[in-house]
Amino acid sequence: MKKLPLLIASCLALSGVLHAEDSKTEADNTAKNERDQIENKETPFDQSEAAEDVELTASIRKAVIADDSLSILAKNAKIITNEGKVVLRGPVETSDEKTTIAALAKKAGAKSVTNELEVK
């Protein structure tokens, strides 16, 4: 269990660094956050702490980061895993990126993938 906080902190730090590098990304997404609360959408707070789910999320994140065809925006997509089921959220540059990330999640072993990525 000591590795879980370190893994989460590392992912958050990497996400922040990648986000900071993308000068085209709008910083204020308050409206989307409020919309998500109203519509009961999955958020990172819904991420399961079960070892299998944490490992699956990390595996997908590694595959996304390693894919040089993906933009910084796409590499910051939210990956939420619960009982092997993955929800993908956030903006991406193209429909190809949306498809690629979903395929990477399936390849990593997701039981199902709900692709809510939005093409910017």
Protein backbone atom coordinates (compact mmCIF):
# COMPACT_ATOMS: atom_id res chain seq x y z
CA MET A 1 0.00 0.00 0.00
CA LYS A 2 3.00 2.31 0.39
CA LYS A 3 3.38 2.36 -3.38
CA LEU A 4 -0.17 3.63 -4.03
CA PRO A 5 0.36 7.19 -2.70
CA LEU A 6 3.66 7.38 -4.58
CA LEU A 7 2.02 6.18 -7.81
CA ILE A 8 -0.83 8.66 -7.45
CA ALA A 9 1.55 11.53 -6.65
CA SER A 10 3.73 10.64 -9.63
CA CYS A 11 0.76 10.54 -12.00
CA LEU A 12 -0.52 13.88 -10.70
CA ALA A 13 2.91 15.47 -11.01
CA LEU A 14 3.36 14.15 -14.55
CA SER A 15 -0.12 15.32 -15.48
CA GLY A 16 0.68 18.81 -14.18
CA VAL A 17 3.94 18.98 -16.10
CA LEU A 18 2.31 17.84 -19.33
CA HIS A 19 -0.56 20.26 -18.86
CA ALA A 20 1.80 23.18 -18.21
CA GLU A 21 3.57 22.48 -21.52
CA ASP A 22 0.35 22.87 -23.52
CA SER A 23 -0.09 26.62 -23.91
CA LYS A 24 -3.25 26.14 -26.02
CA THR A 25 -5.19 24.50 -23.18
CA GLU A 26 -7.69 26.74 -21.45
CA ALA A 27 -6.93 26.77 -17.73
CA ASP A 28 -10.45 27.43 -16.45
CA ASN A 29 -12.74 24.43 -16.89
CA THR A 30 -15.13 25.35 -14.09
CA ALA A 31 -18.18 25.08 -16.33
CA LYS A 32 -17.29 21.51 -17.34
CA ASN A 33 -16.60 20.54 -13.74
CA GLU A 34 -20.02 21.86 -12.68
CA ARG A 35 -21.69 20.07 -15.62
CA ASP A 36 -20.04 16.80 -14.61
CA GLN A 37 -21.36 17.08 -11.06
CA ILE A 38 -24.90 17.71 -12.27
CA GLU A 39 -24.84 14.84 -14.77
CA ASN A 40 -23.25 12.42 -12.27
CA LYS A 41 -20.31 11.74 -14.58
CA GLU A 42 -17.30 9.71 -13.46
CA THR A 43 -14.49 11.86 -12.06
CA PRO A 44 -10.99 10.96 -10.85
CA PHE A 45 -12.47 10.71 -7.34
CA ASP A 46 -14.32 7.61 -8.58
CA GLN A 47 -11.03 5.80 -9.25
CA SER A 48 -10.97 2.52 -7.36
CA GLU A 49 -8.11 1.91 -4.94
CA ALA A 50 -8.14 -1.83 -5.62
CA ALA A 51 -4.65 -2.93 -6.66
CA GLU A 52 -5.88 -4.36 -9.97
CA ASP A 53 -7.61 -1.10 -10.92
CA VAL A 54 -4.66 1.06 -9.93
CA GLU A 55 -2.33 -1.18 -11.95
CA LEU A 56 -4.64 -1.08 -14.97
CA THR A 57 -4.87 2.72 -14.82
CA ALA A 58 -1.08 2.99 -14.54
CA SER A 59 -0.61 0.58 -17.45
CA ILE A 60 -2.96 2.61 -19.65
CA ARG A 61 -1.30 5.88 -18.62
CA LYS A 62 2.15 4.49 -19.48
CA ALA A 63 0.91 3.39 -22.91
CA VAL A 64 -0.66 6.80 -23.55
CA ILE A 65 2.50 8.65 -22.49
CA ALA A 66 4.69 6.37 -24.63
CA ASP A 67 2.61 6.96 -27.78
CA ASP A 68 4.42 9.72 -29.67
CA SER A 69 1.46 10.20 -32.02
CA LEU A 70 -0.61 11.69 -29.19
CA SER A 71 -0.68 15.40 -28.33
CA ILE A 72 0.08 16.74 -24.87
CA LEU A 73 -3.64 17.40 -24.51
CA ALA A 74 -4.44 13.74 -25.21
CA LYS A 75 -1.73 12.56 -22.83
CA ASN A 76 -3.57 14.41 -20.05
CA ALA A 77 -6.84 12.54 -20.58
CA LYS A 78 -8.54 11.32 -17.41
CA ILE A 79 -8.41 7.55 -16.98
CA ILE A 80 -10.82 6.30 -14.33
CA THR A 81 -10.92 2.59 -13.54
CA ASN A 82 -13.38 0.75 -11.33
CA GLU A 83 -13.73 -3.06 -11.31
CA GLY A 84 -11.75 -3.28 -14.55
CA LYS A 85 -14.12 -0.91 -16.33
CA VAL A 86 -12.43 2.19 -17.74
CA VAL A 87 -13.92 5.62 -18.35
CA LEU A 88 -11.93 8.04 -20.51
CA ARG A 89 -12.65 11.75 -20.11
CA GLY A 90 -11.22 15.06 -21.23
CA PRO A 91 -10.29 16.91 -24.40
CA VAL A 92 -8.17 15.56 -27.25
CA GLU A 93 -7.04 17.22 -30.47
CA THR A 94 -8.45 14.74 -33.02
CA SER A 95 -10.85 11.84 -33.40
CA ASP A 96 -7.82 9.63 -34.13
CA GLU A 97 -6.46 10.42 -30.66
CA LYS A 98 -9.83 9.54 -29.13
CA THR A 99 -9.80 6.18 -30.93
CA THR A 100 -6.14 5.49 -30.11
CA ILE A 101 -6.54 6.06 -26.37
CA ALA A 102 -9.59 3.77 -26.23
CA ALA A 103 -7.65 1.08 -28.11
CA LEU A 104 -4.72 1.42 -25.70
CA ALA A 105 -7.12 0.96 -22.76
CA LYS A 106 -8.58 -2.21 -24.30
CA LYS A 107 -5.12 -3.54 -25.11
CA ALA A 108 -4.03 -2.97 -21.50
CA GLY A 109 -6.83 -5.27 -20.34
CA ALA A 110 -9.87 -3.12 -19.63
CA LYS A 111 -13.06 -5.19 -19.36
CA SER A 112 -14.95 -2.32 -20.98
CA VAL A 113 -14.14 1.21 -22.11
CA THR A 114 -16.54 4.13 -21.94
CA ASN A 115 -15.01 6.71 -24.25
CA GLU A 116 -16.16 10.20 -23.23
CA LEU A 117 -13.14 11.95 -24.71
CA GLU A 118 -14.10 15.19 -26.48
CA VAL A 119 -12.46 16.34 -29.70
CA LYS A 120 -11.47 19.96 -29.17
